[in-house]
Amino acid sequence: MDKIDKFPKSIKKAVRYIKQDANKEQLEEIRNIINKAIDRRVRAN
């Protein structure tokens, strides 16, 4: 069983997009968005 199987379908789709379709600029933008969201969530707890 893959580690990603425990996550929601939307996460699986996002990871697949990152692996297959995103260009370098999109990867940087996705990284910034994800990191900001995680940082906010961690600070909230």
C-alpha atoms as a PDB file:
ATOM      1  CA  MET A   1       0.000   0.000   0.000  1.00  0.00           C
ATOM      2  CA  ASP A   2       1.393   3.355  -1.057  1.00  0.00           C
ATOM      3  CA  LYS A   3       1.680   6.135   1.541  1.00  0.00           C
ATOM      4  CA  ILE A   4      -0.500   8.408  -0.597  1.00  0.00           C
ATOM      5  CA  ASP A   5      -3.444   6.005  -0.442  1.00  0.00           C
ATOM      6  CA  LYS A   6      -4.441   7.311   2.991  1.00  0.00           C
ATOM      7  CA  PHE A   7      -4.998  10.854   1.652  1.00  0.00           C
ATOM      8  CA  PRO A   8      -8.088  12.313  -0.041  1.00  0.00           C
ATOM      9  CA  LYS A   9      -8.603  12.013  -3.770  1.00  0.00           C
ATOM     10  CA  SER A  10      -7.824  15.711  -4.284  1.00  0.00           C
ATOM     11  CA  ILE A  11      -4.317  15.255  -2.842  1.00  0.00           C
ATOM     12  CA  LYS A  12      -3.715  12.218  -5.043  1.00  0.00           C
ATOM     13  CA  LYS A  13      -4.745  14.235  -8.109  1.00  0.00           C
ATOM     14  CA  ALA A  14      -2.535  17.158  -7.101  1.00  0.00           C
ATOM     15  CA  VAL A  15       0.480  14.882  -6.666  1.00  0.00           C
ATOM     16  CA  ARG A  16      -0.175  13.238 -10.017  1.00  0.00           C
ATOM     17  CA  TYR A  17      -0.359  16.687 -11.645  1.00  0.00           C
ATOM     18  CA  ILE A  18       2.915  17.713 -10.005  1.00  0.00           C
ATOM     19  CA  LYS A  19       4.649  14.540 -11.176  1.00  0.00           C
ATOM     20  CA  GLN A  20       3.332  14.545 -14.749  1.00  0.00           C
ATOM     21  CA  ASP A  21       2.151  17.912 -16.040  1.00  0.00           C
ATOM     22  CA  ALA A  22       3.421  20.900 -14.085  1.00  0.00           C
ATOM     23  CA  ASN A  23       6.203  22.975 -15.599  1.00  0.00           C
ATOM     24  CA  LYS A  24       9.000  24.505 -13.522  1.00  0.00           C
ATOM     25  CA  GLU A  25       7.196  27.809 -12.915  1.00  0.00           C
ATOM     26  CA  GLN A  26       4.037  26.034 -11.837  1.00  0.00           C
ATOM     27  CA  LEU A  27       6.028  23.825  -9.477  1.00  0.00           C
ATOM     28  CA  GLU A  28       7.498  26.865  -7.744  1.00  0.00           C
ATOM     29  CA  GLU A  29       4.065  28.472  -7.412  1.00  0.00           C
ATOM     30  CA  ILE A  30       2.535  25.246  -6.080  1.00  0.00           C
ATOM     31  CA  ARG A  31       5.392  24.925  -3.578  1.00  0.00           C
ATOM     32  CA  ASN A  32       4.783  28.448  -2.278  1.00  0.00           C
ATOM     33  CA  ILE A  33       1.031  27.925  -1.947  1.00  0.00           C
ATOM     34  CA  ILE A  34       1.406  24.583  -0.161  1.00  0.00           C
ATOM     35  CA  ASN A  35       4.127  25.839   2.172  1.00  0.00           C
ATOM     36  CA  LYS A  36       2.086  28.907   3.157  1.00  0.00           C
ATOM     37  CA  ALA A  37      -1.004  26.798   3.828  1.00  0.00           C
ATOM     38  CA  ILE A  38       0.959  24.329   5.946  1.00  0.00           C
ATOM     39  CA  ASP A  39       2.681  27.112   7.897  1.00  0.00           C
ATOM     40  CA  ARG A  40      -0.661  28.780   8.671  1.00  0.00           C
ATOM     41  CA  ARG A  41      -2.172  25.488   9.785  1.00  0.00           C
ATOM     42  CA  VAL A  42       0.765  24.617  12.023  1.00  0.00           C
ATOM     43  CA  ARG A  43       0.712  28.065  13.652  1.00  0.00           C
ATOM     44  CA  ALA A  44      -3.039  27.763  14.259  1.00  0.00           C
ATOM     45  CA  ASN A  45      -2.514  24.677  16.421  1.00  0.00           C
END
